[in-house]
Amino acid sequence: MNDTPDLDRAARTIAENVYVAFCRQATMPAHPLEEQTILTRLVEAIRPQIGSGSPGAIVEAANGALSAWEQREPEVRGPRVIAVNQIDGAVTLG
């Protein structure tokens, strides 16, 4: 399928934007080694939703990955995604 790399790239862009925005506002210890693990989990959650036509599904997937992270790491607490722009990957947290 020709669009697979584009969908993967879109999922990665959204995941990175979610991670950066979350970390800016979150209460969390500094664990830089976890960054790639969290990004991978965000991409894995978001990727199946890309192209579904439903930004709400992407929001739910991203928030599910953030909630799972917080459950594993009780000292991590932060905002949730409230909007995603599938075109440019921009996210809004609140």
N, C-alpha and C. Protein backbone atom coordinates (compact mmCIF):
# COMPACT_ATOMS: atom_id res chain seq x y z
N MET A 1 0.84 -1.17 0.00
CA MET A 1 0.00 0.00 0.00
C MET A 1 0.90 1.24 0.00
N ASN A 2 0.68 2.14 -0.92
CA ASN A 2 1.54 3.31 -1.07
C ASN A 2 1.44 4.31 0.07
N ASP A 3 0.29 4.38 0.72
CA ASP A 3 0.13 5.42 1.74
C ASP A 3 0.63 4.97 3.11
N THR A 4 1.11 3.77 3.26
CA THR A 4 1.56 3.29 4.56
C THR A 4 2.66 4.17 5.16
N PRO A 5 3.73 4.51 4.44
CA PRO A 5 4.74 5.39 5.05
C PRO A 5 4.16 6.75 5.46
N ASP A 6 3.23 7.28 4.68
CA ASP A 6 2.61 8.56 5.04
C ASP A 6 1.80 8.42 6.32
N LEU A 7 1.07 7.32 6.46
CA LEU A 7 0.27 7.10 7.66
C LEU A 7 1.18 6.90 8.87
N ASP A 8 2.27 6.17 8.68
CA ASP A 8 3.23 5.97 9.76
C ASP A 8 3.84 7.31 10.18
N ARG A 9 4.20 8.12 9.21
CA ARG A 9 4.79 9.43 9.49
C ARG A 9 3.78 10.33 10.21
N ALA A 10 2.53 10.30 9.79
CA ALA A 10 1.50 11.10 10.44
C ALA A 10 1.31 10.66 11.90
N ALA A 11 1.28 9.35 12.12
CA ALA A 11 1.12 8.84 13.48
C ALA A 11 2.31 9.26 14.35
N ARG A 12 3.50 9.18 13.81
CA ARG A 12 4.70 9.57 14.55
C ARG A 12 4.68 11.06 14.89
N THR A 13 4.28 11.88 13.92
CA THR A 13 4.21 13.33 14.15
C THR A 13 3.22 13.66 15.26
N ILE A 14 2.04 13.06 15.20
CA ILE A 14 1.02 13.31 16.22
C ILE A 14 1.53 12.83 17.57
N ALA A 15 2.11 11.63 17.61
CA ALA A 15 2.62 11.08 18.87
C ALA A 15 3.69 11.99 19.48
N GLU A 16 4.60 12.47 18.66
CA GLU A 16 5.64 13.38 19.16
C GLU A 16 5.03 14.66 19.71
N ASN A 17 4.04 15.20 19.00
CA ASN A 17 3.40 16.42 19.46
C ASN A 17 2.64 16.20 20.78
N VAL A 18 1.98 15.05 20.90
CA VAL A 18 1.29 14.71 22.14
C VAL A 18 2.30 14.63 23.28
N TYR A 19 3.39 13.93 23.05
CA TYR A 19 4.40 13.73 24.08
C TYR A 19 4.99 15.06 24.55
N VAL A 20 5.38 15.90 23.61
CA VAL A 20 5.99 17.19 23.96
C VAL A 20 5.00 18.07 24.73
N ALA A 21 3.77 18.15 24.24
CA ALA A 21 2.77 18.97 24.91
C ALA A 21 2.45 18.43 26.31
N PHE A 22 2.35 17.12 26.43
CA PHE A 22 2.08 16.49 27.73
C PHE A 22 3.21 16.81 28.70
N CYS A 23 4.44 16.63 28.27
CA CYS A 23 5.59 16.84 29.15
C CYS A 23 5.73 18.29 29.60
N ARG A 24 5.31 19.22 28.77
CA ARG A 24 5.37 20.64 29.14
C ARG A 24 4.46 20.94 30.33
N GLN A 25 3.33 20.23 30.42
CA GLN A 25 2.33 20.54 31.43
C GLN A 25 2.26 19.52 32.56
N ALA A 26 2.90 18.38 32.41
CA ALA A 26 2.75 17.28 33.35
C ALA A 26 3.61 17.44 34.59
N THR A 27 3.18 16.75 35.63
CA THR A 27 3.97 16.57 36.82
C THR A 27 4.64 15.22 36.65
N MET A 28 5.95 15.23 36.56
CA MET A 28 6.63 13.96 36.31
C MET A 28 8.10 14.05 36.64
N PRO A 29 8.69 12.92 37.01
CA PRO A 29 10.13 12.88 37.21
C PRO A 29 10.84 12.85 35.86
N ALA A 30 12.10 13.16 35.87
CA ALA A 30 12.88 13.14 34.62
C ALA A 30 13.40 11.73 34.36
N HIS A 31 12.82 11.08 33.37
CA HIS A 31 13.26 9.75 32.93
C HIS A 31 13.46 9.80 31.42
N PRO A 32 14.51 10.45 30.94
CA PRO A 32 14.68 10.60 29.49
C PRO A 32 14.76 9.27 28.74
N LEU A 33 15.16 8.21 29.41
CA LEU A 33 15.25 6.92 28.73
C LEU A 33 13.88 6.35 28.39
N GLU A 34 12.85 6.81 29.07
CA GLU A 34 11.49 6.34 28.79
C GLU A 34 10.89 6.99 27.55
N GLU A 35 11.46 8.06 27.09
CA GLU A 35 10.86 8.82 25.98
C GLU A 35 10.55 7.94 24.79
N GLN A 36 11.48 7.14 24.33
CA GLN A 36 11.24 6.30 23.15
C GLN A 36 10.16 5.25 23.40
N THR A 37 10.13 4.72 24.61
CA THR A 37 9.09 3.74 24.95
C THR A 37 7.71 4.38 24.89
N ILE A 38 7.58 5.55 25.49
CA ILE A 38 6.29 6.24 25.49
C ILE A 38 5.90 6.65 24.08
N LEU A 39 6.85 7.16 23.31
CA LEU A 39 6.55 7.53 21.92
C LEU A 39 6.10 6.32 21.12
N THR A 40 6.76 5.19 21.31
CA THR A 40 6.38 3.97 20.59
C THR A 40 4.96 3.57 20.95
N ARG A 41 4.63 3.64 22.22
CA ARG A 41 3.27 3.27 22.65
C ARG A 41 2.23 4.24 22.10
N LEU A 42 2.57 5.51 22.05
CA LEU A 42 1.65 6.48 21.46
C LEU A 42 1.44 6.19 19.97
N VAL A 43 2.53 5.94 19.25
CA VAL A 43 2.43 5.64 17.81
C VAL A 43 1.59 4.38 17.60
N GLU A 44 1.85 3.34 18.40
CA GLU A 44 1.10 2.09 18.26
C GLU A 44 -0.40 2.30 18.50
N ALA A 45 -0.73 3.19 19.42
CA ALA A 45 -2.14 3.46 19.71
C ALA A 45 -2.79 4.32 18.62
N ILE A 46 -2.04 5.30 18.13
CA ILE A 46 -2.58 6.28 17.18
C ILE A 46 -2.63 5.73 15.76
N ARG A 47 -1.63 4.98 15.34
CA ARG A 47 -1.49 4.55 13.94
C ARG A 47 -2.75 3.88 13.37
N PRO A 48 -3.40 2.96 14.08
CA PRO A 48 -4.60 2.34 13.50
C PRO A 48 -5.75 3.32 13.27
N GLN A 49 -5.69 4.46 13.95
CA GLN A 49 -6.78 5.44 13.83
C GLN A 49 -6.55 6.46 12.71
N ILE A 50 -5.32 6.56 12.22
CA ILE A 50 -5.01 7.52 11.16
C ILE A 50 -5.75 7.11 9.90
N GLY A 51 -6.40 8.07 9.29
CA GLY A 51 -7.13 7.80 8.06
C GLY A 51 -8.53 7.27 8.29
N SER A 52 -8.90 7.11 9.55
CA SER A 52 -10.25 6.60 9.85
C SER A 52 -11.30 7.68 9.64
N GLY A 53 -10.82 8.92 9.51
CA GLY A 53 -11.75 10.03 9.33
C GLY A 53 -12.31 10.55 10.65
N SER A 54 -11.84 9.99 11.76
CA SER A 54 -12.37 10.39 13.05
C SER A 54 -11.27 10.92 13.96
N PRO A 55 -11.15 12.24 14.07
CA PRO A 55 -10.17 12.79 15.01
C PRO A 55 -10.45 12.34 16.43
N GLY A 56 -11.72 12.08 16.75
CA GLY A 56 -12.08 11.61 18.09
C GLY A 56 -11.44 10.28 18.42
N ALA A 57 -11.30 9.41 17.42
CA ALA A 57 -10.67 8.11 17.65
C ALA A 57 -9.18 8.29 17.95
N ILE A 58 -8.55 9.24 17.31
CA ILE A 58 -7.13 9.53 17.57
C ILE A 58 -6.97 10.10 18.98
N VAL A 59 -7.86 11.00 19.36
CA VAL A 59 -7.84 11.58 20.69
C VAL A 59 -7.98 10.48 21.74
N GLU A 60 -8.95 9.59 21.55
CA GLU A 60 -9.16 8.48 22.49
C GLU A 60 -7.93 7.58 22.58
N ALA A 61 -7.35 7.28 21.44
CA ALA A 61 -6.17 6.40 21.41
C ALA A 61 -5.00 7.04 22.15
N ALA A 62 -4.76 8.32 21.88
CA ALA A 62 -3.65 9.02 22.55
C ALA A 62 -3.89 9.09 24.05
N ASN A 63 -5.11 9.41 24.44
CA ASN A 63 -5.42 9.51 25.86
C ASN A 63 -5.32 8.15 26.55
N GLY A 64 -5.67 7.09 25.84
CA GLY A 64 -5.52 5.75 26.40
C GLY A 64 -4.07 5.42 26.68
N ALA A 65 -3.18 5.80 25.76
CA ALA A 65 -1.75 5.56 25.96
C ALA A 65 -1.21 6.40 27.11
N LEU A 66 -1.67 7.65 27.23
CA LEU A 66 -1.24 8.50 28.34
C LEU A 66 -1.74 7.93 29.67
N SER A 67 -2.97 7.45 29.71
CA SER A 67 -3.51 6.86 30.94
C SER A 67 -2.74 5.61 31.34
N ALA A 68 -2.38 4.79 30.36
CA ALA A 68 -1.60 3.58 30.65
C ALA A 68 -0.24 3.95 31.24
N TRP A 69 0.37 5.01 30.71
CA TRP A 69 1.65 5.49 31.22
C TRP A 69 1.49 5.92 32.68
N GLU A 70 0.44 6.69 32.96
CA GLU A 70 0.22 7.16 34.33
C GLU A 70 -0.05 6.00 35.28
N GLN A 71 -0.70 4.96 34.80
CA GLN A 71 -0.96 3.79 35.66
C GLN A 71 0.34 3.07 36.00
N ARG A 72 1.25 2.99 35.04
CA ARG A 72 2.54 2.34 35.28
C ARG A 72 3.46 3.21 36.14
N GLU A 73 3.34 4.51 36.00
CA GLU A 73 4.20 5.47 36.71
C GLU A 73 3.32 6.42 37.51
N PRO A 74 2.99 6.07 38.75
CA PRO A 74 2.05 6.89 39.55
C PRO A 74 2.47 8.34 39.75
N GLU A 75 3.77 8.64 39.65
CA GLU A 75 4.21 10.02 39.83
C GLU A 75 4.01 10.89 38.58
N VAL A 76 3.60 10.26 37.48
CA VAL A 76 3.34 11.00 36.25
C VAL A 76 1.86 11.36 36.20
N ARG A 77 1.58 12.64 36.05
CA ARG A 77 0.21 13.14 35.92
C ARG A 77 0.22 14.31 34.95
N GLY A 78 -0.75 14.32 34.03
CA GLY A 78 -0.78 15.42 33.08
C GLY A 78 -2.12 15.58 32.41
N PRO A 79 -2.19 16.52 31.50
CA PRO A 79 -3.43 16.83 30.80
C PRO A 79 -3.77 15.76 29.77
N ARG A 80 -4.90 15.91 29.14
CA ARG A 80 -5.34 14.98 28.11
C ARG A 80 -5.51 15.73 26.78
N VAL A 81 -5.41 14.96 25.72
CA VAL A 81 -5.61 15.50 24.37
C VAL A 81 -7.09 15.81 24.22
N ILE A 82 -7.38 17.00 23.70
CA ILE A 82 -8.78 17.35 23.45
C ILE A 82 -9.05 17.55 21.96
N ALA A 83 -7.98 17.74 21.17
CA ALA A 83 -8.16 17.91 19.72
C ALA A 83 -6.89 17.54 18.98
N VAL A 84 -7.07 17.00 17.77
CA VAL A 84 -5.95 16.63 16.90
C VAL A 84 -6.27 17.11 15.49
N ASN A 85 -5.28 17.72 14.85
CA ASN A 85 -5.40 18.10 13.45
C ASN A 85 -4.64 17.04 12.64
N GLN A 86 -5.36 16.21 11.89
CA GLN A 86 -4.73 15.12 11.14
C GLN A 86 -3.87 15.65 9.99
N ILE A 87 -4.11 16.87 9.55
CA ILE A 87 -3.37 17.40 8.41
C ILE A 87 -1.93 17.77 8.80
N ASP A 88 -1.80 18.52 9.90
CA ASP A 88 -0.44 18.96 10.28
C ASP A 88 0.07 18.31 11.56
N GLY A 89 -0.77 17.49 12.22
CA GLY A 89 -0.33 16.79 13.42
C GLY A 89 -0.42 17.61 14.69
N ALA A 90 -0.95 18.82 14.60
CA ALA A 90 -1.06 19.68 15.78
C ALA A 90 -2.04 19.07 16.78
N VAL A 91 -1.72 19.24 18.06
CA VAL A 91 -2.58 18.73 19.11
C VAL A 91 -2.90 19.84 20.11
N THR A 92 -4.04 19.70 20.76
CA THR A 92 -4.44 20.60 21.83
C THR A 92 -4.69 19.76 23.06
N LEU A 93 -4.08 20.14 24.16
CA LEU A 93 -4.29 19.45 25.43
C LEU A 93 -5.02 20.38 26.38
N GLY A 94 -5.74 19.78 27.27
CA GLY A 94 -6.46 20.60 28.24
C GLY A 94 -6.78 19.84 29.48
